[in-house]
Amino acid sequence: MKIYRGFVFSKHILVGTRSEGEAFYLQTYKKDYHIISSDKPPFIHDKLLSQYIGKIVEIEGELVVKNNNELKDAFPSLEVIYVHKIKDINGGVIPKE
Protein backbone atom coordinates (compact mmCIF):
# COMPACT_ATOMS: atom_id res chain seq x y z
CA MET A 1 0.00 0.00 0.00
CA LYS A 2 1.08 3.53 -0.74
CA ILE A 3 -0.25 6.95 0.27
CA TYR A 4 -1.44 9.33 -2.48
CA ARG A 5 -2.60 12.91 -1.90
CA GLY A 6 -4.53 15.06 -4.33
CA PHE A 7 -7.80 16.45 -5.66
CA VAL A 8 -10.73 14.14 -6.49
CA PHE A 9 -12.78 14.83 -9.60
CA SER A 10 -15.17 12.85 -11.78
CA LYS A 11 -15.86 12.53 -15.48
CA HIS A 12 -18.79 11.02 -17.37
CA ILE A 13 -17.41 8.23 -19.60
CA LEU A 14 -18.47 5.69 -22.23
CA VAL A 15 -21.51 7.72 -23.27
CA GLY A 16 -24.07 5.65 -25.18
CA THR A 17 -22.85 2.27 -23.96
CA ARG A 18 -24.12 -0.09 -21.27
CA SER A 19 -21.05 0.88 -19.25
CA GLU A 20 -21.83 4.61 -19.37
CA GLY A 21 -21.27 6.25 -16.03
CA GLU A 22 -19.10 8.27 -13.73
CA ALA A 23 -15.36 7.63 -13.39
CA PHE A 24 -13.35 9.05 -10.51
CA TYR A 25 -9.85 10.48 -10.71
CA LEU A 26 -7.19 11.71 -8.32
CA GLN A 27 -5.21 14.72 -9.57
CA THR A 28 -1.84 14.72 -7.83
CA TYR A 29 0.99 17.22 -8.14
CA LYS A 30 2.57 15.12 -10.91
CA LYS A 31 -0.24 13.27 -12.72
CA ASP A 32 -3.84 12.03 -12.71
CA TYR A 33 -4.88 8.52 -11.66
CA HIS A 34 -8.15 6.69 -12.19
CA ILE A 35 -9.42 5.63 -8.74
CA ILE A 36 -11.75 2.75 -7.86
CA SER A 37 -13.03 1.63 -4.47
CA SER A 38 -11.52 -1.77 -3.80
CA ASP A 39 -14.91 -3.19 -2.81
CA LYS A 40 -16.88 -1.91 -5.84
CA PRO A 41 -16.92 -3.19 -9.41
CA PRO A 42 -16.16 -0.54 -12.07
CA PHE A 43 -19.13 1.24 -13.71
CA ILE A 44 -21.30 0.99 -10.57
CA HIS A 45 -22.11 4.30 -8.85
CA ASP A 46 -19.64 4.68 -6.02
CA LYS A 47 -21.17 6.47 -3.04
CA LEU A 48 -17.86 6.44 -1.14
CA LEU A 49 -15.82 8.25 -3.79
CA SER A 50 -18.63 10.59 -4.89
CA GLN A 51 -18.68 12.26 -1.46
CA TYR A 52 -15.05 13.36 -1.98
CA ILE A 53 -15.52 15.08 -5.37
CA GLY A 54 -13.97 18.53 -5.23
CA LYS A 55 -11.92 17.81 -2.11
CA ILE A 56 -8.24 17.37 -1.33
CA VAL A 57 -7.79 13.86 0.06
CA GLU A 58 -5.30 11.30 1.25
CA ILE A 59 -5.74 7.82 -0.19
CA GLU A 60 -4.16 4.60 0.97
CA GLY A 61 -4.25 2.26 -1.97
CA GLU A 62 -2.64 -0.04 -4.46
CA LEU A 63 -1.45 1.19 -7.87
CA VAL A 64 -2.13 -1.17 -10.78
CA VAL A 65 -0.99 -0.44 -14.34
CA LYS A 66 -3.46 -1.65 -16.98
CA ASN A 67 -1.98 -2.72 -20.31
CA ASN A 68 -5.21 -3.41 -22.23
CA ASN A 69 -5.46 -1.26 -25.38
CA GLU A 70 -9.25 -1.64 -25.43
CA LEU A 71 -9.48 0.46 -22.26
CA LYS A 72 -7.55 3.46 -23.60
CA ASP A 73 -10.65 5.23 -24.96
CA ALA A 74 -12.45 4.98 -21.63
CA PHE A 75 -9.45 5.54 -19.38
CA PRO A 76 -6.66 7.61 -20.89
CA SER A 77 -4.81 7.07 -17.63
CA LEU A 78 -4.31 3.34 -17.37
CA GLU A 79 -2.76 3.69 -13.95
CA VAL A 80 -5.52 2.76 -11.52
CA ILE A 81 -5.42 3.18 -7.77
CA TYR A 82 -7.59 0.70 -5.88
CA VAL A 83 -8.66 2.69 -2.81
CA HIS A 84 -8.51 0.93 0.55
CA LYS A 85 -8.85 4.05 2.74
CA ILE A 86 -9.68 7.66 1.91
CA LYS A 87 -9.93 10.76 4.06
CA ASP A 88 -10.40 14.48 3.56
CA ILE A 89 -7.25 16.40 4.48
CA ASN A 90 -8.84 19.87 4.31
CA GLY A 91 -6.17 21.30 2.06
CA GLY A 92 -6.58 24.25 -0.22
CA VAL A 93 -3.88 23.18 -2.68
CA ILE A 94 -2.67 19.88 -4.07
CA PRO A 95 0.22 18.76 -1.85
CA LYS A 96 3.64 18.09 -3.34
CA GLU A 97 4.53 14.45 -2.72
PDB file of N, CA and C in Angstrom:
ATOM      1  N   MET A   1       0.834  -1.188   0.000  1.00  0.00           N
ATOM      2  CA  MET A   1       0.000   0.000   0.000  1.00  0.00           C
ATOM      3  C   MET A   1       0.876   1.248   0.000  1.00  0.00           C
ATOM      4  N   LYS A   2       0.373   2.259  -0.670  1.00  0.00           N
ATOM      5  CA  LYS A   2       1.078   3.525  -0.738  1.00  0.00           C
ATOM      6  C   LYS A   2       0.085   4.648  -0.454  1.00  0.00           C
ATOM      7  N   ILE A   3       0.589   5.783  -0.001  1.00  0.00           N
ATOM      8  CA  ILE A   3      -0.247   6.945   0.270  1.00  0.00           C
ATOM      9  C   ILE A   3      -0.174   7.902  -0.924  1.00  0.00           C
ATOM     10  N   TYR A   4      -1.334   8.358  -1.386  1.00  0.00           N
ATOM     11  CA  TYR A   4      -1.445   9.326  -2.476  1.00  0.00           C
ATOM     12  C   TYR A   4      -2.265  10.497  -1.964  1.00  0.00           C
ATOM     13  N   ARG A   5      -1.868  11.715  -2.312  1.00  0.00           N
ATOM     14  CA  ARG A   5      -2.599  12.909  -1.903  1.00  0.00           C
ATOM     15  C   ARG A   5      -2.925  13.728  -3.140  1.00  0.00           C
ATOM     16  N   GLY A   6      -4.155  14.249  -3.199  1.00  0.00           N
ATOM     17  CA  GLY A   6      -4.525  15.064  -4.335  1.00  0.00           C
ATOM     18  C   GLY A   6      -5.995  15.433  -4.316  1.00  0.00           C
ATOM     19  N   PHE A   7      -6.450  15.922  -5.461  1.00  0.00           N
ATOM     20  CA  PHE A   7      -7.796  16.451  -5.662  1.00  0.00           C
ATOM     21  C   PHE A   7      -8.650  15.410  -6.391  1.00  0.00           C
ATOM     22  N   VAL A   8      -9.829  15.117  -5.866  1.00  0.00           N
ATOM     23  CA  VAL A   8     -10.729  14.136  -6.488  1.00  0.00           C
ATOM     24  C   VAL A   8     -11.697  14.846  -7.434  1.00  0.00           C
ATOM     25  N   PHE A   9     -11.795  14.323  -8.652  1.00  0.00           N
ATOM     26  CA  PHE A   9     -12.784  14.827  -9.605  1.00  0.00           C
ATOM     27  C   PHE A   9     -13.389  13.654 -10.360  1.00  0.00           C
ATOM     28  N   SER A  10     -14.507  13.924 -11.036  1.00  0.00           N
ATOM     29  CA  SER A  10     -15.166  12.852 -11.785  1.00  0.00           C
ATOM     30  C   SER A  10     -15.390  13.296 -13.228  1.00  0.00           C
ATOM     31  N   LYS A  11     -15.636  12.307 -14.062  1.00  0.00           N
ATOM     32  CA  LYS A  11     -15.861  12.534 -15.485  1.00  0.00           C
ATOM     33  C   LYS A  11     -16.889  11.507 -15.958  1.00  0.00           C
ATOM     34  N   HIS A  12     -17.811  11.933 -16.800  1.00  0.00           N
ATOM     35  CA  HIS A  12     -18.790  11.016 -17.375  1.00  0.00           C
ATOM     36  C   HIS A  12     -18.130  10.321 -18.563  1.00  0.00           C
ATOM     37  N   ILE A  13     -18.141   8.973 -18.568  1.00  0.00           N
ATOM     38  CA  ILE A  13     -17.413   8.227 -19.604  1.00  0.00           C
ATOM     39  C   ILE A  13     -18.310   7.215 -20.307  1.00  0.00           C
ATOM     40  N   LEU A  14     -17.823   6.743 -21.426  1.00  0.00           N
ATOM     41  CA  LEU A  14     -18.466   5.685 -22.225  1.00  0.00           C
ATOM     42  C   LEU A  14     -19.935   6.006 -22.548  1.00  0.00           C
ATOM     43  N   VAL A  15     -20.158   7.248 -22.958  1.00  0.00           N
ATOM     44  CA  VAL A  15     -21.508   7.721 -23.272  1.00  0.00           C
ATOM     45  C   VAL A  15     -22.114   6.871 -24.388  1.00  0.00           C
ATOM     46  N   GLY A  16     -23.355   6.435 -24.186  1.00  0.00           N
ATOM     47  CA  GLY A  16     -24.071   5.651 -25.177  1.00  0.00           C
ATOM     48  C   GLY A  16     -23.837   4.157 -25.103  1.00  0.00           C
ATOM     49  N   THR A  17     -23.086   3.700 -24.121  1.00  0.00           N
ATOM     50  CA  THR A  17     -22.853   2.270 -23.959  1.00  0.00           C
ATOM     51  C   THR A  17     -23.509   1.773 -22.676  1.00  0.00           C
ATOM     52  N   ARG A  18     -23.559   0.477 -22.499  1.00  0.00           N
ATOM     53  CA  ARG A  18     -24.116  -0.086 -21.267  1.00  0.00           C
ATOM     54  C   ARG A  18     -23.229   0.227 -20.064  1.00  0.00           C
ATOM     55  N   SER A  19     -21.989   0.559 -20.327  1.00  0.00           N
ATOM     56  CA  SER A  19     -21.052   0.875 -19.254  1.00  0.00           C
ATOM     57  C   SER A  19     -20.955   2.374 -18.974  1.00  0.00           C
ATOM     58  N   GLU A  20     -21.835   3.163 -19.582  1.00  0.00           N
ATOM     59  CA  GLU A  20     -21.830   4.611 -19.373  1.00  0.00           C
ATOM     60  C   GLU A  20     -21.956   4.924 -17.888  1.00  0.00           C
ATOM     61  N   GLY A  21     -21.172   5.874 -17.439  1.00  0.00           N
ATOM     62  CA  GLY A  21     -21.269   6.250 -16.031  1.00  0.00           C
ATOM     63  C   GLY A  21     -20.176   7.206 -15.618  1.00  0.00           C
ATOM     64  N   GLU A  22     -20.035   7.328 -14.322  1.00  0.00           N
ATOM     65  CA  GLU A  22     -19.098   8.270 -13.733  1.00  0.00           C
ATOM     66  C   GLU A  22     -17.791   7.558 -13.369  1.00  0.00           C
ATOM     67  N   ALA A  23     -16.680   8.147 -13.770  1.00  0.00           N
ATOM     68  CA  ALA A  23     -15.364   7.626 -13.389  1.00  0.00           C
ATOM     69  C   ALA A  23     -14.720   8.652 -12.465  1.00  0.00           C
ATOM     70  N   PHE A  24     -13.969   8.179 -11.498  1.00  0.00           N
ATOM     71  CA  PHE A  24     -13.351   9.047 -10.506  1.00  0.00           C
ATOM     72  C   PHE A  24     -11.849   9.082 -10.714  1.00  0.00           C
ATOM     73  N   TYR A  25     -11.278  10.265 -10.492  1.00  0.00           N
ATOM     74  CA  TYR A  25      -9.854  10.481 -10.708  1.00  0.00           C
ATOM     75  C   TYR A  25      -9.247  11.223  -9.526  1.00  0.00           C
ATOM     76  N   LEU A  26      -7.958  10.988  -9.311  1.00  0.00           N
ATOM     77  CA  LEU A  26      -7.189  11.714  -8.321  1.00  0.00           C
ATOM     78  C   LEU A  26      -6.131  12.518  -9.069  1.00  0.00           C
ATOM     79  N   GLN A  27      -6.209  13.847  -8.955  1.00  0.00           N
ATOM     80  CA  GLN A  27      -5.211  14.719  -9.565  1.00  0.00           C
ATOM     81  C   GLN A  27      -4.144  14.984  -8.512  1.00  0.00           C
ATOM     82  N   THR A  28      -2.942  14.478  -8.753  1.00  0.00           N
ATOM     83  CA  THR A  28      -1.836  14.716  -7.835  1.00  0.00           C
ATOM     84  C   THR A  28      -0.966  15.826  -8.412  1.00  0.00           C
ATOM     85  N   TYR A  29       0.082  16.175  -7.687  1.00  0.00           N
ATOM     86  CA  TYR A  29       0.986  17.225  -8.140  1.00  0.00           C
ATOM     87  C   TYR A  29       1.639  16.859  -9.478  1.00  0.00           C
ATOM     88  N   LYS A  30       1.865  15.557  -9.707  1.00  0.00           N
ATOM     89  CA  LYS A  30       2.571  15.117 -10.910  1.00  0.00           C
ATOM     90  C   LYS A  30       1.677  14.591 -12.025  1.00  0.00           C
ATOM     91  N   LYS A  31       0.572  13.899 -11.685  1.00  0.00           N
ATOM     92  CA  LYS A  31      -0.243  13.269 -12.724  1.00  0.00           C
ATOM     93  C   LYS A  31      -1.622  12.920 -12.182  1.00  0.00           C
ATOM     94  N   ASP A  32      -2.497  12.465 -13.081  1.00  0.00           N
ATOM     95  CA  ASP A  32      -3.844  12.025 -12.710  1.00  0.00           C
ATOM     96  C   ASP A  32      -3.898  10.505 -12.702  1.00  0.00           C
ATOM     97  N   TYR A  33      -4.669   9.961 -11.757  1.00  0.00           N
ATOM     98  CA  TYR A  33      -4.880   8.518 -11.658  1.00  0.00           C
ATOM     99  C   TYR A  33      -6.381   8.240 -11.648  1.00  0.00           C
ATOM    100  N   HIS A  34      -6.776   7.190 -12.309  1.00  0.00           N
ATOM    101  CA  HIS A  34      -8.148   6.689 -12.187  1.00  0.00           C
ATOM    102  C   HIS A  34      -8.220   6.001 -10.827  1.00  0.00           C
ATOM    103  N   ILE A  35      -9.288   6.264 -10.051  1.00  0.00           N
ATOM    104  CA  ILE A  35      -9.417   5.630  -8.740  1.00  0.00           C
ATOM    105  C   ILE A  35     -10.703   4.821  -8.668  1.00  0.00           C
ATOM    106  N   ILE A  36     -10.620   3.669  -8.022  1.00  0.00           N
ATOM    107  CA  ILE A  36     -11.750   2.749  -7.863  1.00  0.00           C
ATOM    108  C   ILE A  36     -11.746   2.255  -6.427  1.00  0.00           C
ATOM    109  N   SER A  37     -12.924   2.237  -5.803  1.00  0.00           N
ATOM    110  CA  SER A  37     -13.029   1.633  -4.469  1.00  0.00           C
ATOM    111  C   SER A  37     -12.722   0.154  -4.595  1.00  0.00           C
ATOM    112  N   SER A  38     -11.932  -0.366  -3.687  1.00  0.00           N
ATOM    113  CA  SER A  38     -11.517  -1.767  -3.799  1.00  0.00           C
ATOM    114  C   SER A  38     -12.678  -2.742  -3.628  1.00  0.00           C
ATOM    115  N   ASP A  39     -13.781  -2.291  -3.028  1.00  0.00           N
ATOM    116  CA  ASP A  39     -14.912  -3.195  -2.813  1.00  0.00           C
ATOM    117  C   ASP A  39     -16.041  -3.001  -3.817  1.00  0.00           C
ATOM    118  N   LYS A  40     -15.838  -2.167  -4.846  1.00  0.00           N
ATOM    119  CA  LYS A  40     -16.883  -1.908  -5.839  1.00  0.00           C
ATOM    120  C   LYS A  40     -16.413  -2.316  -7.225  1.00  0.00           C
ATOM    121  N   PRO A  41     -17.291  -2.934  -8.017  1.00  0.00           N
ATOM    122  CA  PRO A  41     -16.922  -3.188  -9.414  1.00  0.00           C
ATOM    123  C   PRO A  41     -16.940  -1.875 -10.205  1.00  0.00           C
ATOM    124  N   PRO A  42     -16.119  -1.752 -11.252  1.00  0.00           N
ATOM    125  CA  PRO A  42     -16.158  -0.538 -12.075  1.00  0.00           C
ATOM    126  C   PRO A  42     -17.541  -0.364 -12.705  1.00  0.00           C
ATOM    127  N   PHE A  43     -17.880   0.863 -13.036  1.00  0.00           N
ATOM    128  CA  PHE A  43     -19.126   1.245 -13.709  1.00  0.00           C
ATOM    129  C   PHE A  43     -20.360   1.147 -12.814  1.00  0.00           C
ATOM    130  N   ILE A  44     -20.191   0.939 -11.526  1.00  0.00           N
ATOM    131  CA  ILE A  44     -21.298   0.985 -10.573  1.00  0.00           C
ATOM    132  C   ILE A  44     -21.120   2.274  -9.794  1.00  0.00           C
ATOM    133  N   HIS A  45     -22.212   3.034  -9.579  1.00  0.00           N
ATOM    134  CA  HIS A  45     -22.115   4.303  -8.850  1.00  0.00           C
ATOM    135  C   HIS A  45     -21.433   4.069  -7.507  1.00  0.00           C
ATOM    136  N   ASP A  46     -20.435   4.857  -7.229  1.00  0.00           N
ATOM    137  CA  ASP A  46     -19.641   4.685  -6.021  1.00  0.00           C
ATOM    138  C   ASP A  46     -19.958   5.800  -5.028  1.00  0.00           C
ATOM    139  N   LYS A  47     -20.769   5.483  -4.035  1.00  0.00           N
ATOM    140  CA  LYS A  47     -21.168   6.475  -3.040  1.00  0.00           C
ATOM    141  C   LYS A  47     -19.982   6.949  -2.210  1.00  0.00           C
ATOM    142  N   LEU A  48     -19.028   6.062  -1.940  1.00  0.00           N
ATOM    143  CA  LEU A  48     -17.863   6.444  -1.139  1.00  0.00           C
ATOM    144  C   LEU A  48     -17.055   7.524  -1.847  1.00  0.00           C
ATOM    145  N   LEU A  49     -16.662   7.285  -3.083  1.00  0.00           N
ATOM    146  CA  LEU A  49     -15.815   8.249  -3.792  1.00  0.00           C
ATOM    147  C   LEU A  49     -16.582   9.518  -4.170  1.00  0.00           C
ATOM    148  N   SER A  50     -17.870   9.408  -4.465  1.00  0.00           N
ATOM    149  CA  SER A  50     -18.627  10.592  -4.888  1.00  0.00           C
ATOM    150  C   SER A  50     -18.706  11.651  -3.794  1.00  0.00           C
ATOM    151  N   GLN A  51     -18.623  11.258  -2.536  1.00  0.00           N
ATOM    152  CA  GLN A  51     -18.683  12.257  -1.462  1.00  0.00           C
ATOM    153  C   GLN A  51     -17.391  13.068  -1.338  1.00  0.00           C
ATOM    154  N   TYR A  52     -16.329  12.649  -2.037  1.00  0.00           N
ATOM    155  CA  TYR A  52     -15.050  13.359  -1.978  1.00  0.00           C
ATOM    156  C   TYR A  52     -14.769  14.202  -3.216  1.00  0.00           C
ATOM    157  N   ILE A  53     -15.712  14.267  -4.162  1.00  0.00           N
ATOM    158  CA  ILE A  53     -15.520  15.077  -5.367  1.00  0.00           C
ATOM    159  C   ILE A  53     -15.308  16.536  -4.959  1.00  0.00           C
ATOM    160  N   GLY A  54     -14.263  17.136  -5.517  1.00  0.00           N
ATOM    161  CA  GLY A  54     -13.966  18.534  -5.232  1.00  0.00           C
ATOM    162  C   GLY A  54     -13.181  18.754  -3.953  1.00  0.00           C
ATOM    163  N   LYS A  55     -12.656  17.691  -3.366  1.00  0.00           N
ATOM    164  CA  LYS A  55     -11.916  17.807  -2.110  1.00  0.00           C
ATOM    165  C   LYS A  55     -10.480  17.314  -2.266  1.00  0.00           C
ATOM    166  N   ILE A  56      -9.618  17.850  -1.420  1.00  0.00           N
ATOM    167  CA  ILE A  56      -8.241  17.373  -1.331  1.00  0.00           C
ATOM    168  C   ILE A  56      -8.243  16.216  -0.337  1.00  0.00           C
ATOM    169  N   VAL A  57      -7.705  15.069  -0.755  1.00  0.00           N
ATOM    170  CA  VAL A  57      -7.794  13.863   0.065  1.00  0.00           C
ATOM    171  C   VAL A  57      -6.447  13.167   0.192  1.00  0.00           C
ATOM    172  N   GLU A  58      -6.418  12.228   1.118  1.00  0.00           N
ATOM    173  CA  GLU A  58      -5.298  11.304   1.246  1.00  0.00           C
ATOM    174  C   GLU A  58      -5.870   9.907   1.049  1.00  0.00           C
ATOM    175  N   ILE A  59      -5.272   9.165   0.137  1.00  0.00           N
ATOM    176  CA  ILE A  59      -5.740   7.815  -0.193  1.00  0.00           C
ATOM    177  C   ILE A  59      -4.649   6.812   0.137  1.00  0.00           C
ATOM    178  N   GLU A  60      -5.046   5.751   0.810  1.00  0.00           N
ATOM    179  CA  GLU A  60      -4.160   4.604   0.974  1.00  0.00           C
ATOM    180  C   GLU A  60      -4.653   3.572  -0.025  1.00  0.00           C
ATOM    181  N   GLY A  61      -3.798   3.172  -0.943  1.00  0.00           N
ATOM    182  CA  GLY A  61      -4.253   2.255  -1.973  1.00  0.00           C
ATOM    183  C   GLY A  61      -3.126   1.565  -2.706  1.00  0.00           C
ATOM    184  N   GLU A  62      -3.561   0.759  -3.664  1.00  0.00           N
ATOM    185  CA  GLU A  62      -2.640  -0.043  -4.463  1.00  0.00           C
ATOM    186  C   GLU A  62      -2.692   0.424  -5.910  1.00  0.00           C
ATOM    187  N   LEU A  63      -1.536   0.746  -6.486  1.00  0.00           N
ATOM    188  CA  LEU A  63      -1.451   1.189  -7.870  1.00  0.00           C
ATOM    189  C   LEU A  63      -1.313  -0.025  -8.778  1.00  0.00           C
ATOM    190  N   VAL A  64      -2.180  -0.092  -9.796  1.00  0.00           N
ATOM    191  CA  VAL A  64      -2.134  -1.170 -10.782  1.00  0.00           C
ATOM    192  C   VAL A  64      -2.060  -0.515 -12.159  1.00  0.00           C
ATOM    193  N   VAL A  65      -1.136  -0.973 -12.988  1.00  0.00           N
ATOM    194  CA  VAL A  65      -0.993  -0.439 -14.341  1.00  0.00           C
ATOM    195  C   VAL A  65      -1.701  -1.388 -15.299  1.00  0.00           C
ATOM    196  N   LYS A  66      -2.696  -0.863 -16.011  1.00  0.00           N
ATOM    197  CA  LYS A  66      -3.459  -1.653 -16.978  1.00  0.00           C
ATOM    198  C   LYS A  66      -2.777  -1.566 -18.335  1.00  0.00           C
ATOM    199  N   ASN A  67      -2.641  -2.690 -19.012  1.00  0.00           N
ATOM    200  CA  ASN A  67      -1.985  -2.721 -20.315  1.00  0.00           C
ATOM    201  C   ASN A  67      -2.929  -3.122 -21.441  1.00  0.00           C
ATOM    202  N   ASN A  68      -4.227  -3.006 -21.240  1.00  0.00           N
ATOM    203  CA  ASN A  68      -5.212  -3.411 -22.232  1.00  0.00           C
ATOM    204  C   ASN A  68      -5.534  -2.235 -23.143  1.00  0.00           C
ATOM    205  N   ASN A  69      -5.211  -2.346 -24.438  1.00  0.00           N
ATOM    206  CA  ASN A  69      -5.457  -1.257 -25.379  1.00  0.00           C
ATOM    207  C   ASN A  69      -6.933  -0.933 -25.555  1.00  0.00           C
ATOM    208  N   GLU A  70      -7.817  -1.887 -25.293  1.00  0.00           N
ATOM    209  CA  GLU A  70      -9.252  -1.639 -25.431  1.00  0.00           C
ATOM    210  C   GLU A  70      -9.740  -0.615 -24.416  1.00  0.00           C
ATOM    211  N   LEU A  71      -9.049  -0.454 -23.309  1.00  0.00           N
ATOM    212  CA  LEU A  71      -9.483   0.460 -22.257  1.00  0.00           C
ATOM    213  C   LEU A  71      -9.017   1.897 -22.477  1.00  0.00           C
ATOM    214  N   LYS A  72      -8.130   2.127 -23.444  1.00  0.00           N
ATOM    215  CA  LYS A  72      -7.546   3.463 -23.597  1.00  0.00           C
ATOM    216  C   LYS A  72      -8.573   4.541 -23.906  1.00  0.00           C
ATOM    217  N   ASP A  73      -9.629   4.226 -24.661  1.00  0.00           N
ATOM    218  CA  ASP A  73     -10.649   5.235 -24.958  1.00  0.00           C
ATOM    219  C   ASP A  73     -11.404   5.643 -23.707  1.00  0.00           C
ATOM    220  N   ALA A  74     -11.689   4.696 -22.846  1.00  0.00           N
ATOM    221  CA  ALA A  74     -12.446   4.984 -21.627  1.00  0.00           C
ATOM    222  C   ALA A  74     -11.561   5.603 -20.561  1.00  0.00           C
ATOM    223  N   PHE A  75     -10.353   5.102 -20.444  1.00  0.00           N
ATOM    224  CA  PHE A  75      -9.450   5.541 -19.385  1.00  0.00           C
ATOM    225  C   PHE A  75      -8.104   5.927 -19.971  1.00  0.00           C
ATOM    226  N   PRO A  76      -7.943   7.205 -20.341  1.00  0.00           N
ATOM    227  CA  PRO A  76      -6.660   7.611 -20.895  1.00  0.00           C
ATOM    228  C   PRO A  76      -5.515   7.325 -19.922  1.00  0.00           C
ATOM    229  N   SER A  77      -5.805   7.425 -18.633  1.00  0.00           N
ATOM    230  CA  SER A  77      -4.810   7.071 -17.628  1.00  0.00           C
ATOM    231  C   SER A  77      -5.041   5.616 -17.248  1.00  0.00           C
ATOM    232  N   LEU A  78      -4.148   4.749 -17.665  1.00  0.00           N
ATOM    233  CA  LEU A  78      -4.314   3.335 -17.372  1.00  0.00           C
ATOM    234  C   LEU A  78      -3.678   2.950 -16.045  1.00  0.00           C
ATOM    235  N   GLU A  79      -3.265   3.945 -15.287  1.00  0.00           N
ATOM    236  CA  GLU A  79      -2.755   3.690 -13.947  1.00  0.00           C
ATOM    237  C   GLU A  79      -3.923   3.864 -12.984  1.00  0.00           C
ATOM    238  N   VAL A  80      -4.334   2.772 -12.383  1.00  0.00           N
ATOM    239  CA  VAL A  80      -5.518   2.756 -11.523  1.00  0.00           C
ATOM    240  C   VAL A  80      -5.095   2.553 -10.078  1.00  0.00           C
ATOM    241  N   ILE A  81      -5.641   3.372  -9.199  1.00  0.00           N
ATOM    242  CA  ILE A  81      -5.417   3.184  -7.765  1.00  0.00           C
ATOM    243  C   ILE A  81      -6.672   2.537  -7.187  1.00  0.00           C
ATOM    244  N   TYR A  82      -6.496   1.359  -6.594  1.00  0.00           N
ATOM    245  CA  TYR A  82      -7.591   0.703  -5.876  1.00  0.00           C
ATOM    246  C   TYR A  82      -7.559   1.230  -4.451  1.00  0.00           C
ATOM    247  N   VAL A  83      -8.602   1.968  -4.083  1.00  0.00           N
ATOM    248  CA  VAL A  83      -8.660   2.687  -2.808  1.00  0.00           C
ATOM    249  C   VAL A  83      -9.034   1.740  -1.681  1.00  0.00           C
ATOM    250  N   HIS A  84      -8.194   1.709  -0.647  1.00  0.00           N
ATOM    251  CA  HIS A  84      -8.510   0.933   0.551  1.00  0.00           C
ATOM    252  C   HIS A  84      -9.011   1.848   1.660  1.00  0.00           C
ATOM    253  N   LYS A  85      -8.409   3.040   1.768  1.00  0.00           N
ATOM    254  CA  LYS A  85      -8.846   4.045   2.741  1.00  0.00           C
ATOM    255  C   LYS A  85      -8.748   5.410   2.090  1.00  0.00           C
ATOM    256  N   ILE A  86      -9.690   6.290   2.436  1.00  0.00           N
ATOM    257  CA  ILE A  86      -9.675   7.657   1.910  1.00  0.00           C
ATOM    258  C   ILE A  86     -10.146   8.587   3.011  1.00  0.00           C
ATOM    259  N   LYS A  87      -9.482   9.766   3.084  1.00  0.00           N
ATOM    260  CA  LYS A  87      -9.928  10.759   4.061  1.00  0.00           C
ATOM    261  C   LYS A  87      -9.661  12.151   3.522  1.00  0.00           C
ATOM    262  N   ASP A  88     -10.519  13.078   3.911  1.00  0.00           N
ATOM    263  CA  ASP A  88     -10.405  14.484   3.556  1.00  0.00           C
ATOM    264  C   ASP A  88      -9.270  15.088   4.377  1.00  0.00           C
ATOM    265  N   ILE A  89      -8.339  15.791   3.724  1.00  0.00           N
ATOM    266  CA  ILE A  89      -7.248  16.399   4.485  1.00  0.00           C
ATOM    267  C   ILE A  89      -7.377  17.919   4.557  1.00  0.00           C
ATOM    268  N   ASN A  90      -8.531  18.440   4.155  1.00  0.00           N
ATOM    269  CA  ASN A  90      -8.838  19.868   4.312  1.00  0.00           C
ATOM    270  C   ASN A  90      -7.749  20.793   3.785  1.00  0.00           C
ATOM    271  N   GLY A  91      -7.203  20.460   2.650  1.00  0.00           N
ATOM    272  CA  GLY A  91      -6.169  21.304   2.064  1.00  0.00           C
ATOM    273  C   GLY A  91      -6.730  22.196   0.990  1.00  0.00           C
ATOM    274  N   GLY A  92      -6.131  23.347   0.802  1.00  0.00           N
ATOM    275  CA  GLY A  92      -6.576  24.249  -0.223  1.00  0.00           C
ATOM    276  C   GLY A  92      -5.849  24.060  -1.539  1.00  0.00           C
ATOM    277  N   VAL A  93      -4.681  23.410  -1.479  1.00  0.00           N
ATOM    278  CA  VAL A  93      -3.884  23.176  -2.678  1.00  0.00           C
ATOM    279  C   VAL A  93      -3.458  21.724  -2.729  1.00  0.00           C
ATOM    280  N   ILE A  94      -3.137  21.260  -3.925  1.00  0.00           N
ATOM    281  CA  ILE A  94      -2.672  19.877  -4.070  1.00  0.00           C
ATOM    282  C   ILE A  94      -1.276  19.772  -3.463  1.00  0.00           C
ATOM    283  N   PRO A  95      -1.084  18.875  -2.500  1.00  0.00           N
ATOM    284  CA  PRO A  95       0.220  18.762  -1.855  1.00  0.00           C
ATOM    285  C   PRO A  95       1.286  18.199  -2.782  1.00  0.00           C
ATOM    286  N   LYS A  96       2.510  18.690  -2.635  1.00  0.00           N
ATOM    287  CA  LYS A  96       3.642  18.087  -3.341  1.00  0.00           C
ATOM    288  C   LYS A  96       3.987  16.818  -2.600  1.00  0.00           C
ATOM    289  N   GLU A  97       4.272  15.752  -3.341  1.00  0.00           N
ATOM    290  CA  GLU A  97       4.525  14.445  -2.716  1.00  0.00           C
ATOM    291  C   GLU A  97       5.754  14.483  -1.855  1.00  0.00           C
TER     292      GLU A  97
END
